[in-house]
Each structure stands twice: as C-alpha cells, then as structure tokens.
Amino acid sequence: MAHYRKIDVRIWNDAKFIALSNSGKLIFLFLITHPQMTALGAMRATPQGLAAELKMDIEAFAEAFDEVLSQGLAKDDRGACCIWLPNFLRYQSAESPNVLRNWSKQVEYIPECELKARAIAGLRDYAEGLSEGFRKAFREAFPKDIPESVSSKQRAVNPSHDVGTLAREKFLRASNSTKGGSAENLAGQGDEGVTWS
C-alpha cells in the first residue's frame, strides 16, 4: 500500500521554514516524507542514519538538523532514537474514524520515550477537535491512559536541544570511529554519549 503525505504550499511562507538554510529545508522535507514516518508524526531514526540515507556529509547534516531542532520543527530523543514533528498532524488529517483507528497499529513502531507520549497526546488533542466519531475511534484505538496535553513549557524549545561545538565534535568523533560503510554505521549505532539534542 502506498503512503502519501500532504505538504501545504504555504510552507514557503512560514517564517520558521524560511529561516532554514537550503540544507535545513531539505532535511525537514525529508522528515515529513520519510517512508518510516508514522501517521502520528514520530519515527525511529537517528541523525547519523538519516545523514547516511541522504549521502550527506556528517558535519553538514549536524548543522542543518540543528536548525530544524532550534526552530521547533522537530524534536529528537537521542537515547531512544526517536524523532517527532510536533505539527505533523495539523497537515496529515485522518479522512475517517476508521483511518484514525488504524493509526494505533503504527504506535508500536515508535520507540518508548517522552516523544512517543507527546505524539499520542497530540493525536488525542487532534481527535478532540473533530466529531464524536473521531473521538470515539481514538478512545477505542487508544484505551490506555494517555498523558495530558503537552504544556506550553514542554512546547518551548529546550535549551538542551541546541547543538554546541562540543556536542558536534563528539558526534564527529563517534561517526569517524564507526566509518567504513558497515551496517552499524548506517543504522546510526555506536554514538553512545553523543548529544545533539
């Protein structure tokens, strides 16, 4: 079954998107359209793996990915290998309650972490703004306790998400030590202690 993503052409008028370099824009569009991106706007991925997929220089990718994070267009949990796009559901609506029910099957592909909880909470908030059929579908598909809405404090860009020179150097050292085209490098493994976010 083919997967489709909607990209609103007004993205080219969005101040956060416009502020990105061309590489930052590429990375953000890559995240939106990535085949592993779930309908909840979260996926299992590492920056190293994504850089390898784009055949992009590690340092250039790190710099551009930092732009995306600093604009709040994406959140990254390095320890859980999870990336989440907070506004994804705003543009990727469910056409029917049954579609929303089916989205629950994709939750298992998102690593257990705070970003997964926030993605599910975002879906609940999305469903609450729709008809009773969608609300009922959400309750049936996600019967477990769902965290409360993401607070404004949580929405604020966390200062720890800034990529500093030291973090970038650690990342490059870790990447250089795993170079050689091995599956481990392409999967983004071997980066313990590296913090971009």
Protein backbone atom coordinates (compact mmCIF):
# COMPACT_ATOMS: atom_id res chain seq x y z
CA MET A 1 0.00 0.00 0.00
CA ALA A 2 1.36 3.40 -0.94
CA HIS A 3 1.82 6.08 1.67
CA TYR A 4 1.13 9.70 0.84
CA ARG A 5 1.99 12.89 2.69
CA LYS A 6 0.37 16.28 2.29
CA ILE A 7 2.64 19.29 2.10
CA ASP A 8 0.83 22.62 2.29
CA VAL A 9 2.29 25.01 -0.29
CA ARG A 10 2.07 27.76 2.34
CA ILE A 11 5.12 26.16 3.93
CA TRP A 12 7.12 28.55 1.72
CA ASN A 13 5.53 31.46 3.62
CA ASP A 14 6.21 30.02 7.08
CA ALA A 15 8.78 32.10 8.99
CA LYS A 16 10.35 29.08 10.71
CA PHE A 17 10.74 27.20 7.43
CA ILE A 18 12.06 30.26 5.57
CA ALA A 19 14.67 30.78 8.30
CA LEU A 20 16.21 27.39 7.48
CA SER A 21 19.14 27.05 5.12
CA ASN A 22 18.54 25.07 1.94
CA SER A 23 20.03 22.02 3.70
CA GLY A 24 17.69 22.57 6.66
CA LYS A 25 14.71 22.78 4.30
CA LEU A 26 15.81 19.53 2.63
CA ILE A 27 16.09 17.75 5.96
CA PHE A 28 12.69 18.95 7.16
CA LEU A 29 11.00 17.89 3.89
CA PHE A 30 12.89 14.58 4.11
CA LEU A 31 11.49 14.00 7.61
CA ILE A 32 7.92 14.79 6.54
CA THR A 33 8.09 12.43 3.58
CA HIS A 34 10.33 9.72 5.07
CA PRO A 35 8.92 6.22 4.42
CA GLN A 36 9.34 5.30 8.11
CA MET A 37 7.46 8.35 9.42
CA THR A 38 4.31 7.13 11.17
CA ALA A 39 0.91 8.77 10.88
CA LEU A 40 1.48 10.23 14.38
CA GLY A 41 4.47 12.23 13.13
CA ALA A 42 7.11 10.24 15.01
CA MET A 43 9.59 7.63 13.89
CA ARG A 44 12.56 5.58 14.97
CA ALA A 45 15.62 7.23 13.45
CA THR A 46 18.97 8.72 14.24
CA PRO A 47 20.61 11.74 12.64
CA GLN A 48 23.55 9.55 11.64
CA GLY A 49 21.28 7.13 9.80
CA LEU A 50 19.38 9.95 8.10
CA ALA A 51 22.65 11.60 7.03
CA ALA A 52 23.74 8.29 5.51
CA GLU A 53 20.43 7.96 3.65
CA LEU A 54 20.87 11.42 2.14
CA LYS A 55 24.55 10.71 1.44
CA MET A 56 25.21 13.99 3.21
CA ASP A 57 28.40 14.99 4.97
CA ILE A 58 28.01 14.28 8.69
CA GLU A 59 29.04 17.76 9.81
CA ALA A 60 26.79 19.49 7.26
CA PHE A 61 23.87 17.29 8.32
CA ALA A 62 24.51 18.04 12.01
CA GLU A 63 24.44 21.78 11.34
CA ALA A 64 21.26 21.65 9.24
CA PHE A 65 19.49 19.26 11.63
CA ASP A 66 20.30 21.66 14.46
CA GLU A 67 18.49 24.42 12.52
CA VAL A 68 15.37 22.25 12.27
CA LEU A 69 15.51 21.49 16.01
CA SER A 70 16.17 25.10 17.01
CA GLN A 71 13.12 26.27 15.01
CA GLY A 72 10.98 23.76 16.92
CA LEU A 73 10.02 21.95 13.71
CA ALA A 74 11.28 18.65 15.11
CA LYS A 75 12.20 17.13 18.47
CA ASP A 76 14.87 14.50 18.93
CA ASP A 77 15.40 11.95 21.70
CA ARG A 78 18.90 10.63 21.06
CA GLY A 79 18.72 7.95 23.76
CA ALA A 80 15.52 6.44 22.33
CA CYS A 81 16.43 7.00 18.66
CA CYS A 82 13.18 8.90 18.14
CA ILE A 83 12.32 11.97 16.07
CA TRP A 84 8.94 13.71 16.34
CA LEU A 85 7.41 16.50 14.26
CA PRO A 86 5.08 18.42 16.62
CA ASN A 87 2.89 19.96 13.88
CA PHE A 88 2.69 16.87 11.68
CA LEU A 89 -0.98 16.09 12.43
CA ARG A 90 -2.04 19.61 11.57
CA TYR A 91 -1.41 18.78 7.91
CA GLN A 92 -1.87 15.00 7.78
CA SER A 93 -5.51 14.60 8.74
CA ALA A 94 -7.42 11.34 9.00
CA GLU A 95 -10.14 11.07 6.37
CA SER A 96 -12.38 8.95 8.59
CA PRO A 97 -12.61 7.48 12.11
CA ASN A 98 -11.51 4.12 10.69
CA VAL A 99 -8.28 5.69 9.42
CA LEU A 100 -7.62 7.05 12.91
CA ARG A 101 -8.27 3.59 14.40
CA ASN A 102 -5.71 2.10 12.03
CA TRP A 103 -3.11 4.63 13.15
CA SER A 104 -2.97 2.84 16.51
CA LYS A 105 -1.15 -0.02 14.77
CA GLN A 106 1.73 2.32 13.97
CA VAL A 107 2.38 3.20 17.62
CA GLU A 108 4.44 0.06 18.12
CA TYR A 109 6.98 1.40 15.59
CA ILE A 110 7.74 4.44 17.75
CA PRO A 111 10.35 3.91 20.50
CA GLU A 112 9.12 4.18 24.09
CA CYS A 113 10.03 7.69 25.25
CA GLU A 114 8.56 11.07 26.13
CA LEU A 115 8.24 11.96 22.44
CA LYS A 116 6.02 8.92 21.85
CA ALA A 117 3.78 10.01 24.73
CA ARG A 118 3.65 13.53 23.30
CA ALA A 119 2.78 12.19 19.83
CA ILE A 120 -0.12 10.17 21.27
CA ALA A 121 -1.27 13.15 23.35
CA GLY A 122 -1.15 15.27 20.19
CA LEU A 123 -3.31 12.73 18.39
CA ARG A 124 -5.80 12.79 21.26
CA ASP A 125 -5.95 16.59 21.10
CA TYR A 126 -6.40 16.38 17.32
CA ALA A 127 -9.27 13.87 17.70
CA GLU A 128 -10.92 16.02 20.40
CA GLY A 129 -11.27 18.82 17.85
CA LEU A 130 -13.22 16.60 15.46
CA SER A 131 -16.63 14.92 15.50
CA GLU A 132 -17.78 12.39 18.09
CA GLY A 133 -17.00 9.59 15.63
CA PHE A 134 -13.31 10.55 15.67
CA ARG A 135 -13.28 10.95 19.45
CA LYS A 136 -14.86 7.52 19.87
CA ALA A 137 -12.39 6.00 17.40
CA PHE A 138 -9.50 7.45 19.39
CA ARG A 139 -10.85 6.10 22.70
CA GLU A 140 -11.30 2.64 21.15
CA ALA A 141 -7.88 2.62 19.49
CA PHE A 142 -6.01 4.04 22.49
CA PRO A 143 -7.82 2.70 25.59
CA LYS A 144 -4.80 3.10 27.88
CA ASP A 145 -4.15 6.23 29.90
CA ILE A 146 -2.90 8.99 27.65
CA PRO A 147 -0.75 11.79 29.04
CA GLU A 148 -2.33 15.20 29.35
CA SER A 149 -1.85 17.75 26.60
CA VAL A 150 1.66 18.96 26.08
CA SER A 151 2.10 22.02 28.25
CA SER A 152 3.48 25.31 26.96
CA LYS A 153 6.63 24.61 28.97
CA GLN A 154 7.12 21.34 27.10
CA ARG A 155 6.44 23.06 23.77
CA ALA A 156 9.16 25.60 24.38
CA VAL A 157 12.39 24.76 22.71
CA ASN A 158 14.50 23.06 25.32
CA PRO A 159 17.90 24.73 25.62
CA SER A 160 19.45 21.28 25.82
CA HIS A 161 18.36 20.77 22.18
CA ASP A 162 20.97 23.25 20.99
CA VAL A 163 23.91 21.70 19.22
CA GLY A 164 27.06 23.08 20.72
CA THR A 165 30.54 22.82 19.34
CA LEU A 166 31.44 20.16 21.90
CA ALA A 167 28.44 18.01 21.04
CA ARG A 168 29.16 18.29 17.33
CA GLU A 169 32.81 17.31 17.95
CA LYS A 170 31.67 14.28 19.99
CA PHE A 171 29.31 13.28 17.19
CA LEU A 172 32.01 13.60 14.56
CA ARG A 173 34.47 11.58 16.67
CA ALA A 174 31.86 8.84 17.15
CA SER A 175 30.96 8.86 13.46
CA ASN A 176 34.60 8.72 12.40
CA SER A 177 35.21 5.76 14.68
CA THR A 178 32.36 3.81 13.05
CA LYS A 179 33.05 4.78 9.42
CA GLY A 180 33.57 2.16 6.83
CA GLY A 181 30.07 1.65 5.48
CA SER A 182 29.15 -1.01 8.00
CA ALA A 183 25.51 -1.69 8.74
CA GLU A 184 26.21 -0.49 12.25
CA ASN A 185 27.27 2.93 10.97
CA LEU A 186 24.32 3.25 8.59
CA ALA A 187 21.91 2.35 11.37
CA GLY A 188 23.34 5.19 13.44
CA GLN A 189 24.72 2.91 16.13
CA GLY A 190 27.88 3.45 18.09
CA ASP A 191 27.09 7.01 19.15
CA GLU A 192 26.78 6.48 22.89
CA GLY A 193 27.32 9.70 24.77
CA VAL A 194 26.73 11.86 21.71
CA THR A 195 24.22 14.58 22.38
CA TRP A 196 22.94 16.75 19.61
CA SER A 197 19.78 17.43 21.47
